[in-house]
Protein backbone atom coordinates (compact mmCIF):
# COMPACT_ATOMS: atom_id res chain seq x y z
CA MET A 1 81.62 30.29 21.40
CA SER A 2 80.78 33.69 22.45
CA THR A 3 77.56 35.31 23.10
CA GLN A 4 76.37 38.63 21.93
CA THR A 5 74.11 41.00 24.10
CA ILE A 6 72.44 44.33 23.48
CA LEU A 7 73.47 46.77 26.14
CA PHE A 8 71.82 49.72 27.32
CA ASP A 9 72.79 51.42 30.50
CA SER A 10 71.07 54.88 31.63
CA THR A 11 72.53 55.13 34.86
CA PRO A 12 71.02 58.35 36.17
CA GLY A 13 73.40 61.37 36.07
CA GLN A 14 75.67 59.33 33.77
CA VAL A 15 76.31 59.49 30.01
CA PRO A 16 74.13 56.47 28.59
CA VAL A 17 76.04 53.75 27.05
CA ARG A 18 74.49 51.80 23.96
CA GLY A 19 76.16 48.71 22.68
CA THR A 20 76.68 45.17 22.23
CA LEU A 21 78.49 43.26 25.00
CA HIS A 22 80.70 40.29 23.50
CA ALA A 23 81.47 37.77 26.09
CA PRO A 24 83.81 34.99 25.39
CA GLU A 25 83.11 31.21 26.41
CA HIS A 26 86.28 31.17 28.55
CA ALA A 27 87.04 34.66 29.65
CA SER A 28 90.58 35.80 30.45
CA GLY A 29 89.36 38.54 32.64
CA ASP A 30 90.56 41.07 30.24
CA ALA A 31 88.33 43.66 28.83
CA LEU A 32 88.09 46.27 25.54
CA VAL A 33 85.85 49.04 24.72
CA LEU A 34 85.39 49.45 20.97
CA THR A 35 83.66 52.48 19.30
CA HIS A 36 83.67 54.23 16.00
CA GLY A 37 84.50 57.48 13.85
CA ALA A 38 82.48 60.36 13.24
CA GLY A 39 80.89 58.80 9.96
CA ALA A 40 79.68 55.31 11.64
CA ASP A 41 78.45 53.57 14.31
CA SER A 42 79.24 50.44 16.56
CA ASN A 43 77.76 48.09 13.64
CA ALA A 44 80.41 49.03 11.23
CA PRO A 45 82.19 45.73 9.57
CA LEU A 46 85.64 46.79 10.95
CA LEU A 47 84.35 46.91 14.55
CA ARG A 48 82.29 43.81 14.41
CA ALA A 49 85.17 41.66 13.00
CA LEU A 50 87.85 43.18 15.44
CA ALA A 51 85.11 42.36 18.50
CA GLU A 52 84.65 39.07 17.16
CA ALA A 53 88.19 38.50 17.12
CA PHE A 54 89.37 40.04 20.32
CA CYS A 55 86.61 38.08 21.96
CA GLU A 56 87.99 34.63 20.40
CA ALA A 57 91.18 35.44 22.28
CA GLY A 58 89.38 35.43 25.38
CA MET A 59 88.58 39.35 25.81
CA THR A 60 85.27 40.72 27.05
CA VAL A 61 84.54 43.23 24.15
CA LEU A 62 82.11 46.23 24.65
CA ARG A 63 81.21 47.73 20.61
CA CYS A 64 79.52 50.71 21.55
CA ASP A 65 78.06 53.74 20.13
CA LEU A 66 79.07 57.26 21.01
CA PRO A 67 77.14 60.05 22.82
CA PHE A 68 76.63 61.80 19.35
CA ARG A 69 75.42 58.76 17.42
CA GLN A 70 72.89 58.18 20.49
CA LEU A 71 71.58 61.63 19.86
CA ARG A 72 71.13 60.89 15.90
CA PRO A 73 71.42 57.57 13.86
CA HIS A 74 73.11 59.41 10.97
CA GLY A 75 75.37 61.92 10.17
CA PRO A 76 78.59 63.78 11.76
CA PRO A 77 78.24 65.18 15.62
CA MET A 78 76.29 68.20 15.89
CA ARG A 79 78.43 71.31 16.06
CA GLY A 80 76.31 72.83 18.87
CA SER A 81 76.62 73.34 22.22
CA ALA A 82 73.60 72.16 24.69
CA GLU A 83 74.40 74.26 27.60
CA ARG A 84 74.92 77.48 25.01
CA GLY A 85 71.55 76.08 23.56
CA TRP A 86 69.78 76.74 27.14
CA GLN A 87 71.00 79.98 27.30
CA VAL A 88 69.75 80.77 24.08
CA PHE A 89 66.28 79.14 24.81
CA GLN A 90 65.85 81.05 28.05
CA ARG A 91 66.73 84.64 26.24
CA LYS A 92 64.83 83.83 22.91
CA CYS A 93 62.21 81.19 23.30
CA ILE A 94 61.05 80.60 27.01
CA GLU A 95 58.37 83.68 27.03
CA CYS A 96 56.36 81.37 24.57
CA HIS A 97 57.49 78.07 24.82
CA SER A 98 57.99 75.53 27.96
CA VAL A 99 60.14 72.64 28.85
CA ARG A 100 59.00 70.30 31.36
CA GLY A 101 56.51 72.96 32.28
CA GLU A 102 59.02 75.71 32.84
CA GLY A 103 58.28 78.71 30.44
CA GLY A 104 55.52 80.36 28.20
CA LYS A 105 52.33 78.75 27.45
CA ASP A 106 51.58 80.71 24.16
CA GLY A 107 53.70 77.95 22.21
CA PRO A 108 53.98 74.33 22.39
CA GLU A 109 55.58 72.36 24.90
CA LEU A 110 59.10 71.49 23.69
CA GLY A 111 60.09 68.81 26.48
CA PRO A 112 61.49 65.31 25.86
CA GLU A 113 57.90 63.64 25.93
CA HIS A 114 57.37 65.50 22.57
CA ASP A 115 58.81 64.46 19.33
CA LEU A 116 61.08 66.83 18.66
CA PRO A 117 63.39 67.15 15.57
CA VAL A 118 67.07 65.94 15.75
CA SER A 119 68.47 66.45 12.03
CA GLU A 120 69.38 69.98 10.82
CA ALA A 121 66.91 69.19 8.11
CA GLN A 122 64.06 68.08 10.30
CA PHE A 123 65.02 71.07 12.72
CA ALA A 124 64.99 73.54 9.47
CA SER A 125 61.33 72.18 8.40
CA VAL A 126 59.67 72.68 11.71
CA LEU A 127 60.94 76.18 11.85
CA TRP A 128 59.98 77.08 8.32
CA ASN A 129 56.29 75.55 8.86
CA HIS A 130 55.42 76.73 12.06
CA ALA A 131 57.00 80.20 11.04
CA PRO A 132 53.66 81.84 10.03
CA ALA A 133 51.71 80.80 13.35
CA MET A 134 54.64 82.12 15.17
CA LEU A 135 54.62 85.38 13.81
CA ARG A 136 51.16 86.12 14.06
CA LYS A 137 50.94 84.93 17.97
CA ILE A 138 54.18 87.08 18.56
CA ARG A 139 52.62 90.14 16.58
CA GLU A 140 49.52 89.63 18.77
CA LYS A 141 51.32 90.27 22.08
CA GLY A 142 53.15 93.22 20.26
CA GLY A 143 56.28 91.64 20.17
CA SER A 144 58.93 90.89 17.05
CA MET A 145 60.54 87.34 15.76
CA PRO A 146 63.59 86.66 17.85
CA LEU A 147 66.74 86.45 15.70
CA LEU A 148 68.98 83.52 15.84
CA GLU A 149 72.39 84.22 14.78
CA GLY A 150 75.65 82.67 14.16
CA ASP A 151 75.66 79.05 16.13
CA GLU A 152 72.54 79.62 18.09
CA VAL A 153 70.49 77.56 15.72
CA ALA A 154 72.75 74.55 16.07
CA ASP A 155 73.04 75.24 19.61
CA LEU A 156 69.49 75.52 20.31
CA GLN A 157 68.82 72.14 18.13
CA THR A 158 71.55 70.48 20.43
CA PHE A 159 69.75 71.42 23.61
CA LEU A 160 66.72 70.28 22.38
CA ALA A 161 68.07 66.97 21.45
CA SER A 162 69.80 66.37 24.79
CA LEU A 163 66.54 66.55 26.69
CA ARG A 164 65.34 63.54 24.88
CA TYR A 165 68.90 61.87 24.99
CA PHE A 166 68.97 62.24 28.94
CA GLU A 167 65.70 61.23 29.35
CA PRO A 168 64.24 60.05 32.06
CA THR A 169 66.71 61.38 34.17
CA GLY A 170 65.81 65.09 33.14
CA SER A 171 67.87 68.33 31.98
CA ALA A 172 70.71 69.76 34.12
CA PHE A 173 70.03 73.20 32.56
CA VAL A 174 66.54 73.00 33.24
CA GLY A 175 67.31 71.72 36.92
CA GLU A 176 69.31 74.61 37.70
CA ARG A 177 66.40 76.71 37.28
CA VAL A 178 64.25 74.62 39.01
CA PHE A 179 66.72 74.62 41.99
CA ALA A 180 66.84 78.46 41.99
CA GLU A 181 62.93 78.63 41.61
CA ARG A 182 61.76 76.51 44.28
CA GLY A 183 63.98 78.00 46.45
CA CYS A 184 66.60 75.39 46.86
CA ALA A 185 69.30 77.73 46.42
CA HIS A 186 68.44 79.95 49.48
CA CYS A 187 69.92 77.34 52.07
CA HIS A 188 72.18 75.22 49.98
CA GLY A 189 73.49 77.74 47.27
CA PRO A 190 72.95 78.53 43.64
CA GLU A 191 75.61 75.81 42.58
CA ALA A 192 74.34 73.49 45.47
CA GLU A 193 77.82 74.35 46.73
CA GLY A 194 76.49 74.68 50.42
CA THR A 195 76.14 77.64 52.81
CA LYS A 196 75.82 78.01 56.64
CA ALA A 197 72.24 77.48 56.16
CA GLY A 198 72.56 73.82 54.17
CA PRO A 199 74.96 71.34 53.31
CA ARG A 200 76.76 70.76 49.84
CA LEU A 201 74.83 68.80 47.70
CA ARG A 202 76.89 68.45 44.68
CA THR A 203 79.99 66.11 45.32
CA SER A 204 82.18 63.85 43.31
CA SER A 205 81.48 60.94 45.79
CA GLU A 206 77.71 60.45 45.47
CA VAL A 207 75.68 60.10 42.44
CA PHE A 208 71.99 60.53 43.15
CA THR A 209 69.06 58.59 41.53
CA THR A 210 65.50 59.27 41.72
CA VAL A 211 65.02 56.74 44.71
CA SER A 212 68.21 57.79 46.80
CA PHE A 213 66.94 61.69 46.22
CA ALA A 214 63.67 60.67 47.87
CA ALA A 215 65.23 58.84 50.53
CA ALA A 216 67.31 61.83 51.43
CA LEU A 217 64.31 64.03 51.34
CA TRP A 218 62.59 61.45 53.76
CA LYS A 219 65.86 61.44 56.04
CA HIS A 220 66.71 64.94 56.19
CA GLY A 221 63.03 66.43 55.85
CA PRO A 222 62.53 67.12 59.64
CA ARG A 223 65.43 69.10 59.94
CA MET A 224 64.98 70.99 56.81
CA ILE A 225 61.48 71.91 57.75
CA ASP A 226 62.20 73.19 61.15
CA ARG A 227 65.19 75.26 59.62
CA ALA A 228 63.01 76.43 56.86
CA GLU A 229 60.71 77.60 59.54
CA GLU A 230 63.28 79.26 61.82
CA SER A 231 64.47 81.10 58.73
CA GLY A 232 60.72 82.17 57.71
CA VAL A 233 61.34 80.26 54.07
CA GLN A 234 58.30 78.94 52.30
CA TRP A 235 58.46 75.20 51.94
CA PRO A 236 59.14 74.49 48.40
CA ILE A 237 56.51 72.52 46.47
CA LEU A 238 57.92 70.03 43.70
CA GLN A 239 56.38 68.70 40.97
CA ALA A 240 57.01 65.17 39.59
CA THR A 241 58.59 66.50 36.57
CA ASP A 242 61.19 68.64 38.85
CA ILE A 243 62.54 65.48 40.08
CA GLY A 244 64.40 64.13 37.13
CA ASP A 245 65.88 67.63 36.23
CA LEU A 246 67.15 68.40 40.09
CA VAL A 247 68.63 65.19 39.96
CA SER A 248 70.57 65.73 36.81
CA PHE A 249 71.72 68.96 37.94
CA LEU A 250 72.97 67.57 41.20
CA ASN A 251 74.84 64.91 39.41
CA ASN A 252 76.33 67.49 36.87
CA PRO A 253 79.82 68.26 37.52
CA THR A 254 80.34 71.72 38.93
CA HIS A 255 82.25 74.12 36.82
């Protein structure tokens, strides 16, 4: 007799895992992960049958959805790149739109707290429906509508979808910007690689959570304050929305 448990692991800084865990009555100590192809999901009949068969043989089996399937319930993987999409957003969108408070205020906030389009059809309809209002606002400011060329639409869509996917931990792309704008890079370097003024913060051995991040700030705060005063650097003010983005940035592997 086996048991099935719905599993969702959203450990900060790690790719979320969503699926079904099959636990055998008499476990052999062996485990197996099963996942799907581009057009299916973890509930595909073949995967269910395989999981149950292996579980009956004593193996613990995780039948899970791949990251792209967690981003969108149907269809093939998005062809865009979230990292390229963040670059597109900064070049062509951030003057009017903001993400987690970072950016312009003329257009609506596009952060993860808002219901953003996931499929290509939804994204196209949103762009179409809002185009007249966007054009009026841009012309009022004496500008012109930004052109999205090649794969920039797909990249932008993937970036916006990734904000919801990694929530509540935040966005590593936005976190890099926050890290620089709040002055953290002054002591720790633009990639948090460490300088003579401050230690390296991005390592392969430590994964930050919001709790451990707060604990580190508390533990090292007095020394950081003294160092900032000695260097004539203004103490940075962090917004609540900054924390998740900074944690994601620090947990993101360095290039």
